[in-house]
Amino acid sequence: MTTVASNYLYSTLRERIVEHVFIGDALRELWRLGVYDVEVLRSEFDAHGYDLVMARGKIVRHIQFKTGTQKKPGTVSLSRALAEKPSGCAIWIRLESDLAMGPFFWFGAAPGEPLAALDHYPNSLRVTPNKTGVRPIRKNHHEVPGAAFIPRSSLQEILADLFGNLKPTAVVGGPE
């Protein structure tokens, strides 16, 4: 099977792989930086506009992942619910055919700040047509242009976007 076919035939598997690898790589990078006080919560399903929650102290990030094989993001459909979260954001990740990740593209506000309202972007259309062959409007989804996403060359830049200053965690206690 060609890689192009596997991208859409196994898109759910690909999405899960990207999430797991992102979490592992992010936690490993934070560990290397001496940051140990990060929580990761996974959403069972994407009904509220996000795939993953990462928290450090008072910063709680609801993250929507988007992926593609092109050099930079095109138009990206985001749920209005993401902007209703305390500090929602979207990360678009370029994938190679072997699922190597990067560069990354960031869409969000400063840590602790809400995502700007999405209402000024046009509504998305449903991916599949209804029984009359029409692709209806998705009232709670908006088409964000790829140009609104800021390029990031490294995972460490994305982590700084998520949490700000990545000062090492103060070590409490010692070896047991």
Protein backbone atom coordinates (compact mmCIF):
# COMPACT_ATOMS: atom_id res chain seq x y z
CA MET A 1 0.00 0.00 0.00
CA THR A 2 1.30 3.46 -0.80
CA THR A 3 2.01 5.92 1.97
CA VAL A 4 -0.48 8.36 0.46
CA ALA A 5 -3.26 5.78 0.74
CA SER A 6 -2.28 4.87 4.30
CA ASN A 7 -2.57 8.56 5.29
CA TYR A 8 -6.32 8.52 4.77
CA LEU A 9 -7.10 4.82 5.21
CA TYR A 10 -5.45 4.78 8.63
CA SER A 11 -5.90 8.42 9.62
CA THR A 12 -7.11 7.59 13.14
CA LEU A 13 -4.07 5.40 13.76
CA ARG A 14 -1.81 8.15 12.37
CA GLU A 15 -3.47 10.70 14.68
CA ARG A 16 -2.90 8.47 17.73
CA ILE A 17 0.74 7.89 16.80
CA VAL A 18 1.31 11.65 16.45
CA GLU A 19 -0.29 12.31 19.85
CA HIS A 20 1.77 9.61 21.59
CA VAL A 21 5.02 10.68 19.96
CA PHE A 22 4.33 14.36 20.70
CA ILE A 23 3.63 13.58 24.37
CA GLY A 24 6.74 11.41 24.69
CA ASP A 25 8.99 13.88 22.90
CA ALA A 26 7.57 16.83 24.86
CA LEU A 27 8.01 15.12 28.23
CA ARG A 28 11.53 13.99 27.30
CA GLU A 29 12.48 17.54 26.25
CA LEU A 30 11.02 18.97 29.46
CA TRP A 31 12.92 16.34 31.48
CA ARG A 32 16.16 17.35 29.77
CA LEU A 33 15.40 20.96 30.74
CA GLY A 34 14.82 19.96 34.36
CA VAL A 35 11.06 20.51 34.14
CA TYR A 36 9.22 17.69 35.94
CA ASP A 37 5.96 19.30 37.06
CA VAL A 38 3.87 18.81 33.92
CA GLU A 39 0.57 16.95 33.76
CA VAL A 40 -0.83 15.33 30.63
CA LEU A 41 -4.52 14.51 30.24
CA ARG A 42 -5.86 12.84 27.11
CA SER A 43 -9.34 13.43 25.81
CA GLU A 44 -11.28 10.25 25.10
CA PHE A 45 -12.80 11.87 22.01
CA ASP A 46 -12.58 15.23 20.27
CA ALA A 47 -16.04 16.62 21.02
CA HIS A 48 -14.92 19.80 22.77
CA GLY A 49 -12.35 21.14 20.34
CA TYR A 50 -9.17 19.65 21.78
CA ASP A 51 -7.15 16.43 21.71
CA LEU A 52 -4.93 16.84 24.74
CA VAL A 53 -4.57 18.87 27.92
CA MET A 54 -1.13 19.76 29.28
CA ALA A 55 -0.72 21.65 32.53
CA ARG A 56 2.16 23.17 34.45
CA GLY A 57 1.29 25.07 37.60
CA LYS A 58 -1.55 27.46 36.85
CA ILE A 59 -1.09 27.16 33.08
CA VAL A 60 -3.61 24.73 31.58
CA ARG A 61 -3.47 24.24 27.82
CA HIS A 62 -6.21 22.58 25.79
CA ILE A 63 -4.40 21.57 22.60
CA GLN A 64 -5.87 20.74 19.21
CA PHE A 65 -3.45 18.87 16.94
CA LYS A 66 -3.61 19.24 13.19
CA THR A 67 -1.24 17.49 10.81
CA GLY A 68 -0.34 17.51 7.16
CA THR A 69 2.34 16.53 4.70
CA GLN A 70 2.60 19.88 2.92
CA LYS A 71 5.34 22.37 3.86
CA LYS A 72 3.01 24.63 5.84
CA PRO A 73 -0.62 24.58 6.92
CA GLY A 74 -3.40 25.47 4.53
CA THR A 75 -6.78 26.45 5.90
CA VAL A 76 -7.39 24.72 9.24
CA SER A 77 -10.83 24.00 10.71
CA LEU A 78 -11.00 24.74 14.44
CA SER A 79 -13.89 24.35 16.83
CA ARG A 80 -15.30 27.41 18.56
CA ALA A 81 -15.16 25.32 21.76
CA LEU A 82 -11.35 25.56 21.68
CA ALA A 83 -11.58 29.36 22.04
CA GLU A 84 -13.92 28.88 25.00
CA LYS A 85 -11.25 27.00 26.98
CA PRO A 86 -9.12 29.04 29.41
CA SER A 87 -5.97 28.83 27.26
CA GLY A 88 -6.78 26.84 24.12
CA CYS A 89 -4.33 26.54 21.23
CA ALA A 90 -3.68 24.57 18.06
CA ILE A 91 -0.44 23.01 16.89
CA TRP A 92 -0.09 22.08 13.23
CA ILE A 93 2.63 19.49 12.68
CA ARG A 94 4.23 18.63 9.37
CA LEU A 95 4.61 14.88 8.94
CA GLU A 96 7.09 13.05 6.76
CA SER A 97 6.09 9.73 5.16
CA ASP A 98 7.78 7.87 8.06
CA LEU A 99 5.84 10.11 10.53
CA ALA A 100 8.90 12.14 11.51
CA MET A 101 7.50 15.40 12.90
CA GLY A 102 8.43 19.01 12.20
CA PRO A 103 8.45 21.81 11.64
CA PHE A 104 5.61 22.91 13.90
CA PHE A 105 3.18 25.81 13.50
CA TRP A 106 1.59 27.57 16.49
CA PHE A 107 -1.83 29.17 16.84
CA GLY A 108 -2.55 30.49 20.30
CA ALA A 109 -2.06 33.22 22.84
CA ALA A 110 0.49 33.64 25.63
CA PRO A 111 0.42 31.10 28.47
CA GLY A 112 -2.65 31.63 30.63
CA GLU A 113 -4.34 33.82 28.03
CA PRO A 114 -7.41 32.72 26.07
CA LEU A 115 -7.35 32.03 22.36
CA ALA A 116 -8.83 34.94 20.42
CA ALA A 117 -12.42 34.44 19.28
CA LEU A 118 -12.71 32.55 16.01
CA ASP A 119 -16.01 34.14 14.94
CA HIS A 120 -14.40 36.48 12.41
CA TYR A 121 -13.21 33.46 10.40
CA PRO A 122 -15.75 31.85 8.03
CA ASN A 123 -17.57 28.71 9.08
CA SER A 124 -16.21 25.36 7.90
CA LEU A 125 -18.17 22.98 5.75
CA ARG A 126 -18.74 19.40 6.81
CA VAL A 127 -16.20 17.03 5.23
CA THR A 128 -18.83 14.67 3.85
CA PRO A 129 -21.97 15.67 1.95
CA ASN A 130 -25.46 14.99 3.27
CA LYS A 131 -27.94 12.73 1.44
CA THR A 132 -28.73 15.52 -1.06
CA GLY A 133 -25.03 15.87 -1.93
CA VAL A 134 -24.57 19.21 -0.14
CA ARG A 135 -21.77 19.83 2.36
CA PRO A 136 -23.56 21.73 5.12
CA ILE A 137 -21.97 24.44 7.26
CA ARG A 138 -20.47 23.36 10.57
CA LYS A 139 -21.85 26.18 12.72
CA ASN A 140 -19.32 25.79 15.52
CA HIS A 141 -16.22 25.35 13.35
CA HIS A 142 -14.20 28.08 11.65
CA GLU A 143 -11.68 28.08 8.82
CA VAL A 144 -8.45 29.61 10.13
CA PRO A 145 -5.97 30.49 7.37
CA GLY A 146 -2.59 28.81 7.55
CA ALA A 147 -0.96 32.26 7.59
CA ALA A 148 -2.40 32.75 11.11
CA PHE A 149 -0.15 29.92 12.34
CA ILE A 150 3.35 30.95 13.45
CA PRO A 151 6.21 28.71 12.25
CA ARG A 152 8.31 27.08 14.95
CA SER A 153 11.44 25.14 14.08
CA SER A 154 11.71 23.08 17.26
CA LEU A 155 9.66 21.35 19.90
CA GLN A 156 11.37 23.50 22.55
CA GLU A 157 9.85 26.60 20.90
CA ILE A 158 6.41 24.99 21.02
CA LEU A 159 6.91 24.13 24.71
CA ALA A 160 7.85 27.77 25.40
CA ASP A 161 4.67 28.84 23.57
CA LEU A 162 2.69 26.45 25.76
CA PHE A 163 4.23 27.25 29.15
CA GLY A 164 6.41 30.35 28.84
CA ASN A 165 9.65 30.33 30.80
CA LEU A 166 10.88 26.75 31.12
CA LYS A 167 12.75 27.19 34.41
CA PRO A 168 13.69 23.88 36.00
CA THR A 169 11.37 22.48 38.62
CA ALA A 170 12.53 22.94 42.19
CA VAL A 171 13.49 19.52 43.54
CA VAL A 172 11.56 18.72 46.70
CA GLY A 173 13.18 16.24 49.09
CA GLY A 174 15.93 13.89 48.09
CA PRO A 175 16.41 10.26 47.26
CA GLU A 176 14.39 7.89 49.40
